[in-house]
C-alpha atoms as a PDB file:
ATOM      1  CA  MET A   1      -0.072   0.031   0.051  1.00  0.00           C
ATOM      2  CA  PHE A   2       1.092   3.438  -0.753  1.00  0.00           C
ATOM      3  CA  ARG A   3       0.238   6.292   1.813  1.00  0.00           C
ATOM      4  CA  LEU A   4       0.857   9.978   1.447  1.00  0.00           C
ATOM      5  CA  TRP A   5       0.379  12.461   4.319  1.00  0.00           C
ATOM      6  CA  VAL A   6      -0.750  15.922   3.386  1.00  0.00           C
ATOM      7  CA  ARG A   7      -0.621  18.756   5.892  1.00  0.00           C
ATOM      8  CA  LEU A   8      -1.429  22.415   5.811  1.00  0.00           C
ATOM      9  CA  VAL A   9       0.480  24.384   8.212  1.00  0.00           C
ATOM     10  CA  ASP A  10      -0.008  28.179   9.176  1.00  0.00           C
ATOM     11  CA  ASP A  11       2.157  29.984  11.660  1.00  0.00           C
ATOM     12  CA  ASN A  12       3.882  26.738  12.713  1.00  0.00           C
ATOM     13  CA  HIS A  13       0.622  25.094  13.488  1.00  0.00           C
ATOM     14  CA  LEU A  14      -1.115  22.256  11.885  1.00  0.00           C
ATOM     15  CA  VAL A  15      -4.328  23.525  10.360  1.00  0.00           C
ATOM     16  CA  LYS A  16      -5.569  20.389   8.414  1.00  0.00           C
ATOM     17  CA  ASP A  17      -4.194  17.114   7.527  1.00  0.00           C
ATOM     18  CA  MET A  18      -5.229  13.922   5.780  1.00  0.00           C
ATOM     19  CA  VAL A  19      -3.746  10.632   4.490  1.00  0.00           C
ATOM     20  CA  VAL A  20      -4.299   9.316   1.050  1.00  0.00           C
ATOM     21  CA  CYS A  21      -4.083   5.694   0.443  1.00  0.00           C
ATOM     22  CA  ASP A  22      -3.509   4.120  -3.065  1.00  0.00           C
ATOM     23  CA  GLU A  23      -3.525   0.466  -3.616  1.00  0.00           C
ATOM     24  CA  SER A  24      -3.171   0.550  -7.368  1.00  0.00           C
ATOM     25  CA  ASN A  25      -0.359  -0.910  -9.392  1.00  0.00           C
ATOM     26  CA  ASP A  26       0.518   2.575 -10.881  1.00  0.00           C
ATOM     27  CA  THR A  27       4.163   3.838 -10.858  1.00  0.00           C
ATOM     28  CA  ARG A  28       5.283   5.922  -7.744  1.00  0.00           C
ATOM     29  CA  THR A  29       5.075   8.974  -9.727  1.00  0.00           C
ATOM     30  CA  HIS A  30       1.504   8.305 -10.680  1.00  0.00           C
ATOM     31  CA  LYS A  31       0.554   7.525  -7.072  1.00  0.00           C
ATOM     32  CA  VAL A  32       2.019  10.740  -5.717  1.00  0.00           C
ATOM     33  CA  MET A  33       0.238  12.826  -8.350  1.00  0.00           C
ATOM     34  CA  ASN A  34      -3.081  11.074  -7.886  1.00  0.00           C
ATOM     35  CA  ALA A  35      -2.665  11.352  -4.063  1.00  0.00           C
ATOM     36  CA  ILE A  36      -1.979  15.037  -4.490  1.00  0.00           C
ATOM     37  CA  GLU A  37      -4.890  15.634  -6.817  1.00  0.00           C
ATOM     38  CA  LYS A  38      -7.233  13.939  -4.413  1.00  0.00           C
ATOM     39  CA  ALA A  39      -5.961  15.759  -1.355  1.00  0.00           C
ATOM     40  CA  CYS A  40      -6.312  19.015  -3.237  1.00  0.00           C
ATOM     41  CA  TYR A  41      -9.866  18.220  -4.197  1.00  0.00           C
ATOM     42  CA  GLU A  42     -10.796  17.339  -0.650  1.00  0.00           C
ATOM     43  CA  LEU A  43      -9.143  20.366   0.809  1.00  0.00           C
ATOM     44  CA  ASP A  44     -10.569  22.578  -1.904  1.00  0.00           C
ATOM     45  CA  LEU A  45      -7.186  23.782  -3.117  1.00  0.00           C
ATOM     46  CA  SER A  46      -5.658  24.187  -6.594  1.00  0.00           C
ATOM     47  CA  LYS A  47      -3.009  21.746  -7.610  1.00  0.00           C
ATOM     48  CA  PRO A  48       0.487  22.982  -6.669  1.00  0.00           C
ATOM     49  CA  ILE A  49       3.344  23.507  -9.302  1.00  0.00           C
ATOM     50  CA  TRP A  50       6.254  21.308  -8.862  1.00  0.00           C
ATOM     51  CA  LEU A  51       9.249  23.848  -8.824  1.00  0.00           C
ATOM     52  CA  ASP A  52      12.823  22.504  -9.185  1.00  0.00           C
ATOM     53  CA  ASN A  53      13.681  22.861  -5.555  1.00  0.00           C
ATOM     54  CA  ILE A  54      10.524  20.950  -4.501  1.00  0.00           C
ATOM     55  CA  VAL A  55      11.285  18.195  -6.906  1.00  0.00           C
ATOM     56  CA  LYS A  56      14.864  17.720  -5.423  1.00  0.00           C
ATOM     57  CA  ASP A  57      13.708  17.770  -1.867  1.00  0.00           C
ATOM     58  CA  PHE A  58      11.065  15.084  -2.648  1.00  0.00           C
ATOM     59  CA  GLN A  59      13.501  12.943  -4.507  1.00  0.00           C
ATOM     60  CA  LEU A  60      15.979  13.144  -1.644  1.00  0.00           C
ATOM     61  CA  HIS A  61      13.635  12.925   1.343  1.00  0.00           C
ATOM     62  CA  ALA A  62      10.169  11.609   0.119  1.00  0.00           C
ATOM     63  CA  LYS A  63       8.965  14.826   1.752  1.00  0.00           C
ATOM     64  CA  CYS A  64       8.532  18.450   0.501  1.00  0.00           C
ATOM     65  CA  ARG A  65       6.730  21.760   1.060  1.00  0.00           C
ATOM     66  CA  PHE A  66       4.733  23.752  -1.312  1.00  0.00           C
ATOM     67  CA  ASN A  67       4.673  27.386  -0.321  1.00  0.00           C
ATOM     68  CA  LYS A  68       2.744  30.187  -1.721  1.00  0.00           C
ATOM     69  CA  ASP A  69       5.029  30.482  -4.782  1.00  0.00           C
ATOM     70  CA  ALA A  70       3.870  27.061  -5.817  1.00  0.00           C
ATOM     71  CA  PHE A  71       0.072  27.946  -5.823  1.00  0.00           C
ATOM     72  CA  VAL A  72      -1.678  29.934  -8.721  1.00  0.00           C
ATOM     73  CA  GLU A  73      -4.394  31.074  -6.501  1.00  0.00           C
ATOM     74  CA  GLN A  74      -4.030  32.865  -3.017  1.00  0.00           C
ATOM     75  CA  ILE A  75      -3.754  30.407  -0.053  1.00  0.00           C
ATOM     76  CA  ASP A  76      -4.552  31.112   3.657  1.00  0.00           C
ATOM     77  CA  PHE A  77      -1.808  29.005   5.141  1.00  0.00           C
ATOM     78  CA  ASP A  78       1.996  29.154   4.981  1.00  0.00           C
ATOM     79  CA  TYR A  79       2.652  25.824   3.130  1.00  0.00           C
ATOM     80  CA  MET A  80       1.327  22.413   2.238  1.00  0.00           C
ATOM     81  CA  GLU A  81       3.779  19.683   3.074  1.00  0.00           C
ATOM     82  CA  ILE A  82       3.613  16.034   1.643  1.00  0.00           C
ATOM     83  CA  GLN A  83       5.320  13.101   2.976  1.00  0.00           C
ATOM     84  CA  VAL A  84       5.413   9.402   1.856  1.00  0.00           C
ATOM     85  CA  ILE A  85       4.684   7.381   5.019  1.00  0.00           C
ATOM     86  CA  GLU A  86       4.379   3.984   3.330  1.00  0.00           C
ATOM     87  CA  GLU A  87       5.414   2.591   0.214  1.00  0.00           C
ATOM     88  CA  ASP A  88       5.126  -0.994  -1.278  1.00  0.00           C
ATOM     89  CA  TYR A  89       8.245  -2.245  -2.890  1.00  0.00           C
END
């Protein structure tokens, strides 16, 4: 099973969070993209843009932050953080 933890943080406080599970046979990249799309829909957010520094952080740590620069629309929190908490190999 693949699980992605999505957190919205404002002023160093957790505002909202959710875990998205994916049991499909898709690639890791597809699972991540599908999980982000699902989380953004549930949290009523636009999908963030993957900037170069965000991609590098995610590749190294399986965790990254999307700040205000990664969103086209105005957001009412400081950043959205995603972290892979379970992966099937």
